Structure formats: structure tokens, C-alpha cells
C-alpha atoms as a PDB file:
ATOM      1  CA  MET A   1      38.821 -83.540  21.695  1.00  0.00           C
ATOM      2  CA  ILE A   2      35.765 -83.794  19.431  1.00  0.00           C
ATOM      3  CA  TRP A   3      38.066 -84.812  16.559  1.00  0.00           C
ATOM      4  CA  TRP A   4      39.185 -87.835  18.547  1.00  0.00           C
ATOM      5  CA  LEU A   5      35.594 -88.917  19.018  1.00  0.00           C
ATOM      6  CA  LEU A   6      34.957 -88.504  15.292  1.00  0.00           C
ATOM      7  CA  LEU A   7      38.051 -90.636  14.632  1.00  0.00           C
ATOM      8  CA  ALA A   8      36.712 -93.335  16.992  1.00  0.00           C
ATOM      9  CA  VAL A   9      33.344 -93.333  15.200  1.00  0.00           C
ATOM     10  CA  PHE A  10      35.183 -93.473  11.856  1.00  0.00           C
ATOM     11  CA  LEU A  11      37.164 -96.499  13.087  1.00  0.00           C
ATOM     12  CA  TYR A  12      33.874 -98.189  14.019  1.00  0.00           C
ATOM     13  CA  VAL A  13      32.556 -97.527  10.517  1.00  0.00           C
ATOM     14  CA  VAL A  14      35.776 -98.918   9.022  1.00  0.00           C
ATOM     15  CA  CYS A  15      35.419-101.987  11.246  1.00  0.00           C
ATOM     16  CA  ALA A  16      31.837-102.516  10.083  1.00  0.00           C
ATOM     17  CA  ALA A  17      32.815-102.156   6.426  1.00  0.00           C
ATOM     18  CA  LEU A  18      35.736-104.566   6.796  1.00  0.00           C
ATOM     19  CA  ILE A  19      33.543-107.174   8.515  1.00  0.00           C
ATOM     20  CA  VAL A  20      31.042-107.085   5.656  1.00  0.00           C
ATOM     21  CA  VAL A  21      33.814-107.182   3.033  1.00  0.00           C
ATOM     22  CA  GLU A  22      35.456-110.143   4.849  1.00  0.00           C
ATOM     23  CA  VAL A  23      32.264-112.161   4.340  1.00  0.00           C
ATOM     24  CA  PHE A  24      32.171-111.479   0.610  1.00  0.00           C
ATOM     25  CA  ILE A  25      35.909-111.505  -0.189  1.00  0.00           C
ATOM     26  CA  PRO A  26      37.953-114.338   1.295  1.00  0.00           C
ATOM     27  CA  SER A  27      41.221-112.797   2.518  1.00  0.00           C
ATOM     28  CA  GLY A  28      42.511-115.509   4.810  1.00  0.00           C
ATOM     29  CA  GLY A  29      41.547-113.441   7.826  1.00  0.00           C
ATOM     30  CA  PHE A  30      43.549-110.323   6.913  1.00  0.00           C
ATOM     31  CA  LEU A  31      40.465-108.133   6.629  1.00  0.00           C
ATOM     32  CA  GLY A  32      39.131-109.582   9.884  1.00  0.00           C
ATOM     33  CA  VAL A  33      42.371-108.676  11.689  1.00  0.00           C
ATOM     34  CA  CYS A  34      42.188-105.151  10.249  1.00  0.00           C
ATOM     35  CA  ALA A  35      38.566-104.879  11.410  1.00  0.00           C
ATOM     36  CA  LEU A  36      39.556-106.025  14.891  1.00  0.00           C
ATOM     37  CA  ALA A  37      42.426-103.512  14.985  1.00  0.00           C
ATOM     38  CA  SER A  38      40.142-100.635  13.997  1.00  0.00           C
ATOM     39  CA  LEU A  39      37.582-101.744  16.610  1.00  0.00           C
ATOM     40  CA  VAL A  40      40.210-101.901  19.359  1.00  0.00           C
ATOM     41  CA  GLY A  41      41.532 -98.492  18.265  1.00  0.00           C
ATOM     42  CA  GLY A  42      38.040 -97.013  18.428  1.00  0.00           C
ATOM     43  CA  ILE A  43      37.439 -98.480  21.889  1.00  0.00           C
ATOM     44  CA  ALA A  44      40.814 -97.144  23.104  1.00  0.00           C
ATOM     45  CA  ILE A  45      39.945 -93.650  21.882  1.00  0.00           C
ATOM     46  CA  PHE A  46      36.540 -93.816  23.566  1.00  0.00           C
ATOM     47  CA  PHE A  47      38.164 -94.868  26.870  1.00  0.00           C
ATOM     48  CA  ARG A  48      40.725 -92.104  26.561  1.00  0.00           C
ATOM     49  CA  TYR A  49      37.866 -89.615  26.289  1.00  0.00           C
ATOM     50  CA  SER A  50      36.016 -91.038  29.335  1.00  0.00           C
ATOM     51  CA  SER A  51      35.259 -94.371  30.930  1.00  0.00           C
ATOM     52  CA  VAL A  52      31.520 -93.933  30.256  1.00  0.00           C
ATOM     53  CA  ALA A  53      32.193 -93.362  26.552  1.00  0.00           C
ATOM     54  CA  GLY A  54      34.489 -96.398  26.554  1.00  0.00           C
ATOM     55  CA  TRP A  55      31.853 -98.698  28.056  1.00  0.00           C
ATOM     56  CA  ILE A  56      29.233 -97.356  25.656  1.00  0.00           C
ATOM     57  CA  GLY A  57      31.693 -98.108  22.824  1.00  0.00           C
ATOM     58  CA  ILE A  58      32.111-101.678  24.073  1.00  0.00           C
ATOM     59  CA  VAL A  59      28.332-102.192  24.254  1.00  0.00           C
ATOM     60  CA  VAL A  60      27.954-100.793  20.732  1.00  0.00           C
ATOM     61  CA  ALA A  61      30.710-103.145  19.512  1.00  0.00           C
ATOM     62  CA  ILE A  62      29.084-106.151  21.199  1.00  0.00           C
ATOM     63  CA  ILE A  63      25.839-105.381  19.400  1.00  0.00           C
ATOM     64  CA  MET A  64      27.328-104.190  16.095  1.00  0.00           C
ATOM     65  CA  VAL A  65      29.724-107.031  15.232  1.00  0.00           C
ATOM     66  CA  PRO A  66      27.287-109.990  15.501  1.00  0.00           C
ATOM     67  CA  SER A  67      24.525-107.980  13.847  1.00  0.00           C
ATOM     68  CA  LEU A  68      26.737-107.136  10.887  1.00  0.00           C
ATOM     69  CA  LEU A  69      27.946-110.720  10.524  1.00  0.00           C
ATOM     70  CA  LEU A  70      24.405-112.062  10.645  1.00  0.00           C
ATOM     71  CA  THR A  71      23.181-109.500   8.124  1.00  0.00           C
ATOM     72  CA  ALA A  72      26.104-110.126   5.774  1.00  0.00           C
ATOM     73  CA  TYR A  73      25.643-113.906   5.902  1.00  0.00           C
ATOM     74  CA  ARG A  74      21.945-113.506   5.188  1.00  0.00           C
ATOM     75  CA  MET A  75      22.693-111.238   2.230  1.00  0.00           C
ATOM     76  CA  LEU A  76      25.435-113.473   0.794  1.00  0.00           C
ATOM     77  CA  PRO A  77      23.192-116.108  -0.879  1.00  0.00           C
ATOM     78  CA  LYS A  78      21.191-113.351  -2.592  1.00  0.00           C
ATOM     79  CA  THR A  79      24.195-111.737  -4.287  1.00  0.00           C
ATOM     80  CA  ARG A  80      25.664-112.755  -7.634  1.00  0.00           C
ATOM     81  CA  PHE A  81      28.904-113.802  -5.953  1.00  0.00           C
ATOM     82  CA  GLY A  82      27.015-115.803  -3.330  1.00  0.00           C
ATOM     83  CA  LYS A  83      24.995-117.629  -5.962  1.00  0.00           C
ATOM     84  CA  GLN A  84      28.240-118.678  -7.646  1.00  0.00           C
ATOM     85  CA  VAL A  85      29.956-120.003  -4.527  1.00  0.00           C
ATOM     86  CA  ILE A  86      27.041-121.558  -2.619  1.00  0.00           C
ATOM     87  CA  LEU A  87      25.658-124.852  -3.825  1.00  0.00           C
ATOM     88  CA  SER A  88      21.905-125.058  -4.237  1.00  0.00           C
ATOM     89  CA  PRO A  89      20.080-128.205  -3.150  1.00  0.00           C
ATOM     90  CA  PRO A  90      18.708-130.458  -5.876  1.00  0.00           C
ATOM     91  CA  ALA A  91      15.077-129.848  -6.765  1.00  0.00           C
ATOM     92  CA  ARG A  92      13.035-133.032  -6.293  1.00  0.00           C
ATOM     93  CA  GLU A  93       9.435-133.915  -5.881  1.00  0.00           C
ATOM     94  CA  PRO A  94       8.491-135.899  -2.758  1.00  0.00           C
ATOM     95  CA  GLY A  95       9.137-139.579  -3.376  1.00  0.00           C
ATOM     96  CA  GLU A  96      11.075-138.932  -6.582  1.00  0.00           C
ATOM     97  CA  ALA A  97      14.233-140.678  -5.384  1.00  0.00           C
ATOM     98  CA  ILE A  98      12.337-143.769  -4.210  1.00  0.00           C
ATOM     99  CA  SER A  99      12.328-146.359  -6.964  1.00  0.00           C
ATOM    100  CA  ASP A 100       9.851-148.751  -5.335  1.00  0.00           C
ATOM    101  CA  ARG A 101       7.000-146.304  -4.606  1.00  0.00           C
ATOM    102  CA  ALA A 102       4.707-148.023  -7.109  1.00  0.00           C
ATOM    103  CA  GLU A 103       5.312-151.357  -5.363  1.00  0.00           C
ATOM    104  CA  LEU A 104       4.382-149.822  -2.013  1.00  0.00           C
ATOM    105  CA  VAL A 105       1.173-148.351  -3.416  1.00  0.00           C
ATOM    106  CA  ALA A 106       0.322-151.829  -4.708  1.00  0.00           C
ATOM    107  CA  LEU A 107       0.357-153.066  -1.096  1.00  0.00           C
ATOM    108  CA  LEU A 108      -2.609-150.830  -0.194  1.00  0.00           C
ATOM    109  CA  GLY A 109      -5.350-153.055   1.251  1.00  0.00           C
ATOM    110  CA  LYS A 110      -3.070-156.124   1.481  1.00  0.00           C
ATOM    111  CA  ALA A 111      -2.668-158.166   4.634  1.00  0.00           C
ATOM    112  CA  GLY A 112       0.659-159.005   6.228  1.00  0.00           C
ATOM    113  CA  GLN A 113       2.292-160.167   9.424  1.00  0.00           C
ATOM    114  CA  VAL A 114       4.139-158.118  12.044  1.00  0.00           C
ATOM    115  CA  LEU A 115       7.809-159.193  12.257  1.00  0.00           C
ATOM    116  CA  THR A 116       8.896-156.771  14.982  1.00  0.00           C
ATOM    117  CA  PRO A 117       6.586-155.077  17.504  1.00  0.00           C
ATOM    118  CA  LEU A 118       5.066-151.882  16.150  1.00  0.00           C
ATOM    119  CA  ARG A 119       5.654-149.187  18.800  1.00  0.00           C
ATOM    120  CA  PRO A 120       4.282-147.518  16.603  1.00  0.00           C
ATOM    121  CA  VAL A 121       7.039-148.141  14.010  1.00  0.00           C
ATOM    122  CA  GLY A 122       8.295-151.607  13.174  1.00  0.00           C
ATOM    123  CA  THR A 123       8.721-154.151  10.393  1.00  0.00           C
ATOM    124  CA  CYS A 124       6.022-156.186   8.674  1.00  0.00           C
ATOM    125  CA  ALA A 125       6.121-158.823   5.956  1.00  0.00           C
ATOM    126  CA  PHE A 126       3.874-158.477   2.905  1.00  0.00           C
ATOM    127  CA  GLU A 127       4.136-161.120   0.203  1.00  0.00           C
ATOM    128  CA  LYS A 128       7.610-162.209   1.464  1.00  0.00           C
ATOM    129  CA  ARG A 129       8.831-158.608   1.480  1.00  0.00           C
ATOM    130  CA  ARG A 130       9.998-156.827   4.643  1.00  0.00           C
ATOM    131  CA  VAL A 131       8.654-153.265   4.902  1.00  0.00           C
ATOM    132  CA  GLU A 132       8.877-150.644   7.631  1.00  0.00           C
ATOM    133  CA  CYS A 133       5.366-149.764   8.811  1.00  0.00           C
ATOM    134  CA  VAL A 134       3.638-147.395  11.214  1.00  0.00           C
ATOM    135  CA  ALA A 135       0.756-148.586  13.392  1.00  0.00           C
ATOM    136  CA  GLU A 136      -2.400-146.525  13.036  1.00  0.00           C
ATOM    137  CA  SER A 137      -2.742-146.352  16.788  1.00  0.00           C
ATOM    138  CA  GLY A 138      -0.943-147.830  19.736  1.00  0.00           C
ATOM    139  CA  TYR A 139       1.164-150.943  20.003  1.00  0.00           C
ATOM    140  CA  ILE A 140       0.860-154.080  17.858  1.00  0.00           C
ATOM    141  CA  GLN A 141       2.553-157.278  19.022  1.00  0.00           C
ATOM    142  CA  LYS A 142       4.877-159.426  16.928  1.00  0.00           C
ATOM    143  CA  GLY A 143       3.082-162.147  14.944  1.00  0.00           C
ATOM    144  CA  ARG A 144      -0.242-160.301  14.602  1.00  0.00           C
ATOM    145  CA  ARG A 145      -1.959-159.806  11.231  1.00  0.00           C
ATOM    146  CA  VAL A 146      -2.191-156.264   9.860  1.00  0.00           C
ATOM    147  CA  LYS A 147      -3.701-154.558   6.828  1.00  0.00           C
ATOM    148  CA  VAL A 148      -2.240-151.588   4.912  1.00  0.00           C
ATOM    149  CA  ILE A 149      -4.685-148.695   5.154  1.00  0.00           C
ATOM    150  CA  ARG A 150      -2.608-145.784   3.832  1.00  0.00           C
ATOM    151  CA  VAL A 151       0.561-145.114   1.792  1.00  0.00           C
ATOM    152  CA  GLU A 152       2.180-141.671   2.060  1.00  0.00           C
ATOM    153  CA  GLY A 153       5.469-141.438   0.180  1.00  0.00           C
ATOM    154  CA  THR A 154       7.372-144.445   1.469  1.00  0.00           C
ATOM    155  CA  GLN A 155       5.474-144.743   4.743  1.00  0.00           C
ATOM    156  CA  LEU A 156       2.956-147.537   5.124  1.00  0.00           C
ATOM    157  CA  THR A 157       0.304-147.130   7.790  1.00  0.00           C
ATOM    158  CA  VAL A 158      -1.219-150.394   9.019  1.00  0.00           C
ATOM    159  CA  ARG A 159      -4.204-151.415  11.165  1.00  0.00           C
ATOM    160  CA  GLU A 160      -4.403-154.574  13.230  1.00  0.00           C
ATOM    161  CA  MET A 161      -6.849-157.103  11.808  1.00  0.00           C
ATOM    162  CA  ASP A 162      -9.383-158.871  14.039  1.00  0.00           C
ATOM    163  CA  GLU A 163      -8.530-162.505  14.687  1.00  0.00           C
ATOM    164  CA  ALA A 164     -12.022-163.848  14.029  1.00  0.00           C
END
């Protein structure tokens, strides 16, 4: 009977190997079906030995399969094959894709008028140009005068000006 248990453990090892190979070699699901068949065969052999061994086999399978998939998917981008099939994101500096950053920096210290209420984000007009702004603190009503106090990337931070 010990040979049957060794066969069940071997089927679990085959299942694990096929799951990892399925991640790296697209087979249209054939390797996944073979892995499932070997897993079911291993569980059947464990249950034939005893119900306790069968339930332990099921618990091991429930832990093993997701762990192997997670590990394989984490390893995939680090392999040569993974680097060839996975697209890498473009490398950009913050604000690189924004063409009007210099114009926004030029607004630093300028005064404008609130077009929509800032709660804390809204729209302001500076020199006949509509710009999304963030209030430094709290709520600023529509029609109030504001001053640009900070420019971070494409975000303008404004402060309400005193109406004196």
C-alpha cells in the first residue's frame, strides 16, 4: 500500500510541475487539464488509502495550487521569456507628458477668479485661461479672487485673497 501513497505524492508533484509549466508555455489549457487530472488521481488514491489521508490531500491541494500559481506569476516577469512577452511601461519623468507645464509655472503668484466653487478642487480663470485648481484650505466660493501659491506638476494650489 505504501507504493500507492508514493504514486499519489508523485501525481501531486506532476500536478505542481504542470501548473508551473502552464504559466510559462501557453498550451491552450491542455497542460492545465493534465495537471487537474493528476491532482484528482492523487486525491482519489489518498481517499482509497483512508478518509483522513484523502482530506489531508485535499487541504494540501487547496494550499498548493494557488501558491504555485502565485509564485509562477511572480517569477514570470523576471525570466527571459517573460521579459519578451510582457510589455514594460514607458519610462517618463513626472510632468514630462504635459506640454504646458512652463505656462503653469508662469502663473505662480498671479491672481485669478474662481469660476466653480473650490471644494477643494474646482476651476479658476487666470489671464482668460481656465485651469483646474486646488484650494489651500477649505471651501472657496464662486466669484472670489485667488492667488496661485504653489505649482506641483500640473496642480495649481491657490489661496483666497482678502477683499480689502
